[in-house]
Amino acid sequence: MRLEPGRVIIHVLRHEGGWAAEFEGERFAYSLDKEIARAGALRRARSLFDAGRACQVTVQGEAAFLRG
């Protein structure tokens, strides 16, 4: 049985009058537009997912629940 690392959580949050994504203490994808910061977070999540890590992206002030 192979043990898999825990789920990665990337947060999109308000930062200095705009938005940024944050993962493991690193902030990236800075933008005044929340959707651009979210897109940057999703690109990072996709990269991590492709490397075999389960990912979740959260956006400050939003709640979303998806079921497959």
C-alpha atoms as a PDB file:
ATOM      1  CA  MET A   1       0.000   0.000   0.000  1.00  0.00           C
ATOM      2  CA  ARG A   2       1.355   3.414  -0.976  1.00  0.00           C
ATOM      3  CA  LEU A   3       0.926   6.302   1.467  1.00  0.00           C
ATOM      4  CA  GLU A   4      -0.040   9.563  -0.183  1.00  0.00           C
ATOM      5  CA  PRO A   5       0.816  12.980   1.220  1.00  0.00           C
ATOM      6  CA  GLY A   6      -2.023  15.068   2.669  1.00  0.00           C
ATOM      7  CA  ARG A   7      -4.113  17.413   0.607  1.00  0.00           C
ATOM      8  CA  VAL A   8      -2.464  20.631  -0.504  1.00  0.00           C
ATOM      9  CA  ILE A   9      -4.515  23.752   0.235  1.00  0.00           C
ATOM     10  CA  ILE A  10      -3.876  26.940  -1.709  1.00  0.00           C
ATOM     11  CA  HIS A  11      -5.606  30.050  -0.383  1.00  0.00           C
ATOM     12  CA  VAL A  12      -6.637  33.077  -2.460  1.00  0.00           C
ATOM     13  CA  LEU A  13      -6.868  36.057  -0.136  1.00  0.00           C
ATOM     14  CA  ARG A  14      -6.917  39.827   0.034  1.00  0.00           C
ATOM     15  CA  HIS A  15      -3.428  41.288   0.053  1.00  0.00           C
ATOM     16  CA  GLU A  16      -2.356  44.949   0.074  1.00  0.00           C
ATOM     17  CA  GLY A  17      -5.462  46.264  -1.671  1.00  0.00           C
ATOM     18  CA  GLY A  18      -5.608  43.415  -4.154  1.00  0.00           C
ATOM     19  CA  TRP A  19      -5.486  39.625  -4.153  1.00  0.00           C
ATOM     20  CA  ALA A  20      -2.811  36.941  -3.950  1.00  0.00           C
ATOM     21  CA  ALA A  21      -2.559  33.181  -3.745  1.00  0.00           C
ATOM     22  CA  GLU A  22      -0.704  31.590  -0.838  1.00  0.00           C
ATOM     23  CA  PHE A  23       0.806  28.133  -0.499  1.00  0.00           C
ATOM     24  CA  GLU A  24       3.194  26.967   2.220  1.00  0.00           C
ATOM     25  CA  GLY A  25       3.936  30.552   3.279  1.00  0.00           C
ATOM     26  CA  GLU A  26       4.706  31.751  -0.256  1.00  0.00           C
ATOM     27  CA  ARG A  27       2.481  34.392  -1.812  1.00  0.00           C
ATOM     28  CA  PHE A  28       2.221  34.533  -5.599  1.00  0.00           C
ATOM     29  CA  ALA A  29      -0.192  35.501  -8.397  1.00  0.00           C
ATOM     30  CA  TYR A  30      -0.610  39.060  -7.065  1.00  0.00           C
ATOM     31  CA  SER A  31      -3.337  41.044  -8.819  1.00  0.00           C
ATOM     32  CA  LEU A  32      -5.948  43.717  -8.246  1.00  0.00           C
ATOM     33  CA  ASP A  33      -8.389  41.268  -9.861  1.00  0.00           C
ATOM     34  CA  LYS A  34      -9.501  38.309  -7.734  1.00  0.00           C
ATOM     35  CA  GLU A  35     -10.116  36.137 -10.812  1.00  0.00           C
ATOM     36  CA  ILE A  36      -6.512  36.545 -11.976  1.00  0.00           C
ATOM     37  CA  ALA A  37      -5.195  35.527  -8.543  1.00  0.00           C
ATOM     38  CA  ARG A  38      -7.595  32.561  -8.566  1.00  0.00           C
ATOM     39  CA  ALA A  39      -6.327  31.525 -12.017  1.00  0.00           C
ATOM     40  CA  GLY A  40      -2.750  31.597 -10.698  1.00  0.00           C
ATOM     41  CA  ALA A  41      -3.769  29.432  -7.743  1.00  0.00           C
ATOM     42  CA  LEU A  42      -5.510  26.963 -10.056  1.00  0.00           C
ATOM     43  CA  ARG A  43      -2.420  26.749 -12.303  1.00  0.00           C
ATOM     44  CA  ARG A  44      -0.268  25.905  -9.258  1.00  0.00           C
ATOM     45  CA  ALA A  45      -2.864  23.389  -8.030  1.00  0.00           C
ATOM     46  CA  ARG A  46      -2.934  21.730 -11.453  1.00  0.00           C
ATOM     47  CA  SER A  47       0.851  21.449 -11.462  1.00  0.00           C
ATOM     48  CA  LEU A  48       0.825  19.860  -8.002  1.00  0.00           C
ATOM     49  CA  PHE A  49      -2.060  17.561  -8.980  1.00  0.00           C
ATOM     50  CA  ASP A  50      -0.177  16.409 -12.071  1.00  0.00           C
ATOM     51  CA  ALA A  51       2.728  15.545  -9.733  1.00  0.00           C
ATOM     52  CA  GLY A  52       0.395  13.307  -7.712  1.00  0.00           C
ATOM     53  CA  ARG A  53      -0.759  15.626  -4.907  1.00  0.00           C
ATOM     54  CA  ALA A  54      -4.416  16.131  -3.984  1.00  0.00           C
ATOM     55  CA  CYS A  55      -5.234  19.872  -4.064  1.00  0.00           C
ATOM     56  CA  GLN A  56      -7.853  22.303  -2.856  1.00  0.00           C
ATOM     57  CA  VAL A  57      -8.150  26.015  -3.669  1.00  0.00           C
ATOM     58  CA  THR A  58     -10.061  28.252  -1.271  1.00  0.00           C
ATOM     59  CA  VAL A  59     -11.067  31.866  -1.880  1.00  0.00           C
ATOM     60  CA  GLN A  60     -11.473  34.266   1.029  1.00  0.00           C
ATOM     61  CA  GLY A  61     -15.129  35.188   1.464  1.00  0.00           C
ATOM     62  CA  GLU A  62     -16.464  32.389  -0.743  1.00  0.00           C
ATOM     63  CA  ALA A  63     -17.792  28.951   0.029  1.00  0.00           C
ATOM     64  CA  ALA A  64     -18.177  26.248  -2.595  1.00  0.00           C
ATOM     65  CA  PHE A  65     -18.926  22.576  -2.255  1.00  0.00           C
ATOM     66  CA  LEU A  66     -18.568  20.258  -5.216  1.00  0.00           C
ATOM     67  CA  ARG A  67     -19.584  16.623  -5.380  1.00  0.00           C
ATOM     68  CA  GLY A  68     -18.909  14.203  -8.167  1.00  0.00           C
END
